[in-house]
Protein backbone atom coordinates (compact mmCIF):
# COMPACT_ATOMS: atom_id res chain seq x y z
CA UNK A 1 -11.03 18.71 -17.98
CA UNK A 2 -9.74 15.64 -19.87
CA UNK A 3 -9.56 12.49 -17.77
CA UNK A 4 -5.90 11.93 -18.56
CA UNK A 5 -4.94 15.31 -17.05
CA UNK A 6 -5.35 14.08 -13.48
CA UNK A 7 -4.13 10.50 -13.64
CA UNK A 8 -1.87 9.55 -10.75
CA UNK A 9 0.30 6.51 -10.29
CA UNK A 10 -1.85 4.19 -8.18
CA UNK A 11 -1.14 4.08 -4.45
CA UNK A 12 2.06 6.10 -4.79
CA UNK A 13 3.56 9.22 -3.34
CA UNK A 14 6.92 10.86 -3.82
CA UNK A 15 8.82 12.26 -0.85
CA UNK A 16 11.38 15.05 -0.99
CA UNK A 17 13.73 16.02 1.81
CA UNK A 18 15.17 19.45 1.17
CA UNK A 19 16.07 22.72 2.80
CA UNK A 20 16.17 26.35 1.89
CA UNK A 21 19.66 27.77 2.31
CA UNK A 22 20.52 30.99 4.09
CA UNK A 23 19.98 32.79 0.80
CA UNK A 24 16.70 31.02 0.03
CA UNK A 25 18.05 28.53 -2.50
CA UNK A 26 16.31 25.12 -2.45
CA UNK A 27 18.73 22.24 -1.86
CA UNK A 28 17.36 18.72 -2.33
CA UNK A 29 18.92 16.06 -0.09
CA UNK A 30 16.66 13.12 -1.03
CA UNK A 31 13.91 12.09 -3.43
CA UNK A 32 12.20 8.83 -2.56
CA UNK A 33 9.33 6.79 -3.85
CA UNK A 34 6.68 6.02 -1.23
CA UNK A 35 4.40 3.21 -2.40
CA UNK A 36 1.40 2.21 -0.28
CA UNK A 37 1.62 -1.21 1.41
CA UNK A 38 -1.10 -3.83 1.56
CA UNK A 39 -1.83 -3.06 5.22
CA UNK A 40 -2.65 0.56 6.02
CA UNK A 41 -1.26 0.07 9.55
CA UNK A 42 2.21 -0.14 7.99
CA UNK A 43 1.83 3.00 5.90
CA UNK A 44 5.44 4.22 6.16
CA UNK A 45 7.13 0.84 5.76
CA UNK A 46 9.05 1.66 2.57
CA UNK A 47 10.71 4.64 0.91
CA UNK A 48 13.35 4.08 -1.77
CA UNK A 49 15.39 5.88 -4.39
CA UNK A 50 17.52 5.26 -7.47
CA UNK A 51 19.13 7.08 -10.36
CA UNK A 52 16.02 6.85 -12.53
CA UNK A 53 13.91 8.59 -9.90
CA UNK A 54 16.34 11.51 -9.74
CA UNK A 55 16.65 11.78 -13.50
CA UNK A 56 12.89 11.84 -13.86
CA UNK A 57 11.90 14.15 -11.02
CA UNK A 58 14.78 16.24 -9.66
CA UNK A 59 14.35 19.19 -12.00
CA UNK A 60 10.57 19.22 -11.57
CA UNK A 61 10.84 19.32 -7.80
CA UNK A 62 13.63 21.89 -7.92
CA UNK A 63 11.46 24.11 -10.10
CA UNK A 64 8.53 23.68 -7.71
CA UNK A 65 10.55 24.78 -4.68
CA UNK A 66 12.01 27.75 -6.55
CA UNK A 67 8.52 28.95 -7.46
CA UNK A 68 7.27 28.32 -3.92
CA UNK A 69 9.98 30.52 -2.48
CA UNK A 70 9.13 33.36 -4.81
CA UNK A 71 5.96 33.52 -2.70
CA UNK A 72 7.17 32.43 0.75
CA UNK A 73 10.74 33.83 0.89
CA UNK A 74 11.91 31.02 3.21
CA UNK A 75 15.47 30.81 4.50
CA UNK A 76 17.40 28.25 6.56
CA UNK A 77 14.40 25.94 6.78
CA UNK A 78 14.43 22.13 6.36
CA UNK A 79 11.31 20.46 4.96
CA UNK A 80 10.05 16.93 4.41
CA UNK A 81 7.47 17.16 1.63
CA UNK A 82 5.28 14.57 -0.06
CA UNK A 83 3.68 14.86 -3.47
CA UNK A 84 1.48 13.19 -5.98
CA UNK A 85 2.71 13.66 -9.52
CA UNK A 86 0.21 13.53 -12.41
CA UNK A 87 1.43 11.69 -15.47
CA UNK A 88 3.45 14.25 -17.38
CA UNK A 89 2.30 17.04 -15.05
CA UNK A 90 3.53 19.21 -12.23
CA UNK A 91 4.01 17.94 -8.65
CA UNK A 92 0.98 18.40 -6.38
CA UNK A 93 1.97 18.78 -2.70
CA UNK A 94 0.09 16.80 -0.07
CA UNK A 95 2.37 17.41 2.92
CA UNK A 96 4.96 19.92 4.12
CA UNK A 97 6.49 19.08 7.50
CA UNK A 98 9.76 20.60 8.77
CA UNK A 99 9.68 18.27 11.79
CA UNK A 100 9.92 15.21 9.53
CA UNK A 101 13.28 16.28 8.11
CA UNK A 102 15.27 13.58 9.86
CA UNK A 103 12.21 12.02 11.50
CA UNK A 104 12.79 8.31 12.22
CA UNK A 105 15.97 8.49 10.16
CA UNK A 106 14.46 8.69 6.66
CA UNK A 107 16.69 11.61 5.72
CA UNK A 108 19.69 9.50 6.77
CA UNK A 109 19.18 7.32 3.69
CA UNK A 110 21.36 9.71 1.67
CA UNK A 111 24.13 9.23 4.25
CA UNK A 112 24.06 5.43 4.28
CA UNK A 113 23.62 5.24 0.51
CA UNK A 114 25.99 7.97 -0.66
CA UNK A 115 27.97 9.17 2.35
CA UNK A 116 26.23 12.56 2.23
CA UNK A 117 25.14 13.88 5.65
CA UNK A 118 21.88 15.85 5.28
CA UNK A 119 22.32 17.59 8.64
CA UNK A 120 25.85 18.77 7.84
CA UNK A 121 24.57 19.99 4.47
CA UNK A 122 21.81 21.98 6.17
CA UNK A 123 24.04 23.68 8.72
CA UNK A 124 26.79 24.37 6.16
CA UNK A 125 24.46 25.32 3.27
CA UNK A 126 26.19 22.72 1.09
CA UNK A 127 24.37 21.36 -1.97
CA UNK A 128 24.73 17.83 -3.30
CA UNK A 129 26.34 17.02 -6.63
CA UNK A 130 23.61 14.57 -7.66
CA UNK A 131 24.93 14.13 -11.20
CA UNK A 132 28.30 13.14 -9.78
CA UNK A 133 26.80 10.87 -7.13
CA UNK A 134 24.71 8.87 -9.58
CA UNK A 135 27.52 8.76 -12.14
CA UNK A 136 29.62 6.85 -9.58
CA UNK A 137 29.59 3.18 -10.63
CA UNK A 138 28.99 2.15 -7.01
CA UNK A 139 25.56 3.80 -7.09
CA UNK A 140 24.46 3.81 -10.73
CA UNK A 141 22.41 0.61 -10.70
CA UNK A 142 21.51 0.39 -7.01
CA UNK A 143 18.10 0.85 -5.43
CA UNK A 144 18.48 2.29 -1.93
CA UNK A 145 15.68 1.78 0.58
CA UNK A 146 14.64 2.83 4.06
CA UNK A 147 12.43 0.28 5.82
CA UNK A 148 10.44 1.04 8.97
CA UNK A 149 9.67 -2.17 10.84
CA UNK A 150 6.39 -1.93 12.74
CA UNK A 151 5.86 -4.16 15.74
CA UNK A 152 2.85 -5.82 14.17
CA UNK A 153 -0.81 -4.83 14.07
CA UNK A 154 -2.54 -5.89 17.28
CA UNK A 155 0.64 -6.86 19.13
CA UNK A 156 0.52 -5.99 22.84
CA UNK A 157 4.12 -5.96 23.99
CA UNK A 158 3.11 -5.34 27.60
CA UNK A 159 1.47 -8.73 27.91
CA UNK A 160 3.81 -11.05 26.00
CA UNK A 161 7.43 -12.06 25.94
CA UNK A 162 9.07 -11.49 22.59
CA UNK A 163 12.27 -13.38 21.87
CA UNK A 164 14.89 -12.76 19.20
CA UNK A 165 12.71 -10.39 17.17
CA UNK A 166 15.72 -8.56 15.75
CA UNK A 167 17.48 -11.77 14.76
CA UNK A 168 14.36 -12.97 12.96
CA UNK A 169 14.00 -9.70 11.11
CA UNK A 170 17.65 -9.48 10.09
CA UNK A 171 17.43 -13.01 8.73
CA UNK A 172 14.39 -11.98 6.68
CA UNK A 173 16.30 -9.01 5.26
CA UNK A 174 19.40 -11.02 4.41
CA UNK A 175 23.02 -9.95 4.67
CA UNK A 176 23.59 -9.05 1.01
CA UNK A 177 21.24 -6.08 0.89
CA UNK A 178 21.59 -4.73 4.45
CA UNK A 179 23.64 -1.53 4.78
CA UNK A 180 22.67 -0.47 8.30
CA UNK A 181 20.36 -1.84 10.99
CA UNK A 182 19.07 0.15 13.94
CA UNK A 183 17.15 -1.82 16.55
CA UNK A 184 14.61 0.03 18.68
CA UNK A 185 12.81 -0.72 21.92
CA UNK A 186 9.52 -2.16 20.70
CA UNK A 187 7.99 -1.80 24.16
CA UNK A 188 8.28 1.98 23.94
CA UNK A 189 7.82 2.56 20.20
CA UNK A 190 5.27 1.57 17.56
CA UNK A 191 8.22 0.22 15.54
CA UNK A 192 11.10 -2.10 16.41
CA UNK A 193 13.74 -1.36 13.78
CA UNK A 194 14.92 0.83 10.94
CA UNK A 195 16.83 -0.83 8.11
CA UNK A 196 18.78 0.73 5.24
CA UNK A 197 19.09 -1.48 2.17
CA UNK A 198 20.79 -1.57 -1.22
CA UNK A 199 19.23 -3.83 -3.83
CA UNK A 200 20.45 -4.70 -7.30
CA UNK A 201 16.89 -5.27 -8.54
CA UNK A 202 14.02 -2.89 -7.83
CA UNK A 203 11.43 -5.68 -7.79
CA UNK A 204 13.05 -7.16 -4.68
CA UNK A 205 11.66 -4.21 -2.73
CA UNK A 206 8.05 -5.14 -3.43
CA UNK A 207 8.10 -7.75 -0.65
CA UNK A 208 7.95 -4.91 1.86
CA UNK A 209 4.51 -3.95 0.60
CA UNK A 210 3.24 -7.43 1.49
CA UNK A 211 5.13 -8.04 4.74
CA UNK A 212 3.24 -9.00 7.91
CA UNK A 213 5.27 -7.84 10.88
CA UNK A 214 3.29 -9.98 13.29
CA UNK A 215 5.25 -12.93 11.91
CA UNK A 216 8.41 -11.70 13.65
CA UNK A 217 6.75 -11.73 17.08
CA UNK A 218 6.30 -15.27 18.39
CA UNK A 219 3.92 -15.08 21.32
CA UNK A 220 5.13 -16.80 24.47
CA UNK A 221 3.92 -16.72 28.05
CA UNK A 222 6.46 -15.11 30.39
CA UNK A 223 7.96 -17.39 32.99
CA UNK A 224 6.93 -16.58 36.56
């Protein structure tokens, strides 16, 4: 087999949130790029989407799910799927997980970015008009991202007092790009926030692949 036939984009996956309707039609609610961060502990830190991603991959993924259902005959089933895509080739699935449709709010990106509720779409069997969505001048040149803020590799929240972690993180994000911020209890979760962003320039998202979440957790000794 020629070497070029199996070339993948380095350290990159593509994620698709979709569901099969009551009649078995595949309906895509999100396509996001999932680059690998510098630290493996923060594997799910960033997923993002834009018009170019949809123009490049929507029809290929749609075709994949149509062919899959010719075998499986699935109906009324949501799926979070991840793929590697060879250069110029067909999508190769690496994960299918119905429980991740909506997991930690990734599927909600289409709601905060475009006002499209993926859960309503699933229960009502309503498809998205992606051509119309991306033709809207409010969305055409935006890069929409979901960021999962880990509490920092090696941080033991049971033994330290953590002050103003959310304020520090929101300041790092900045007000211009932040669409929605959801703070979580970092003493009960491996993450402390979920942020939804809209950037004018795609390269601004690369900082999330280098981020060190420990920096948002100043260690202090609790007062007795």
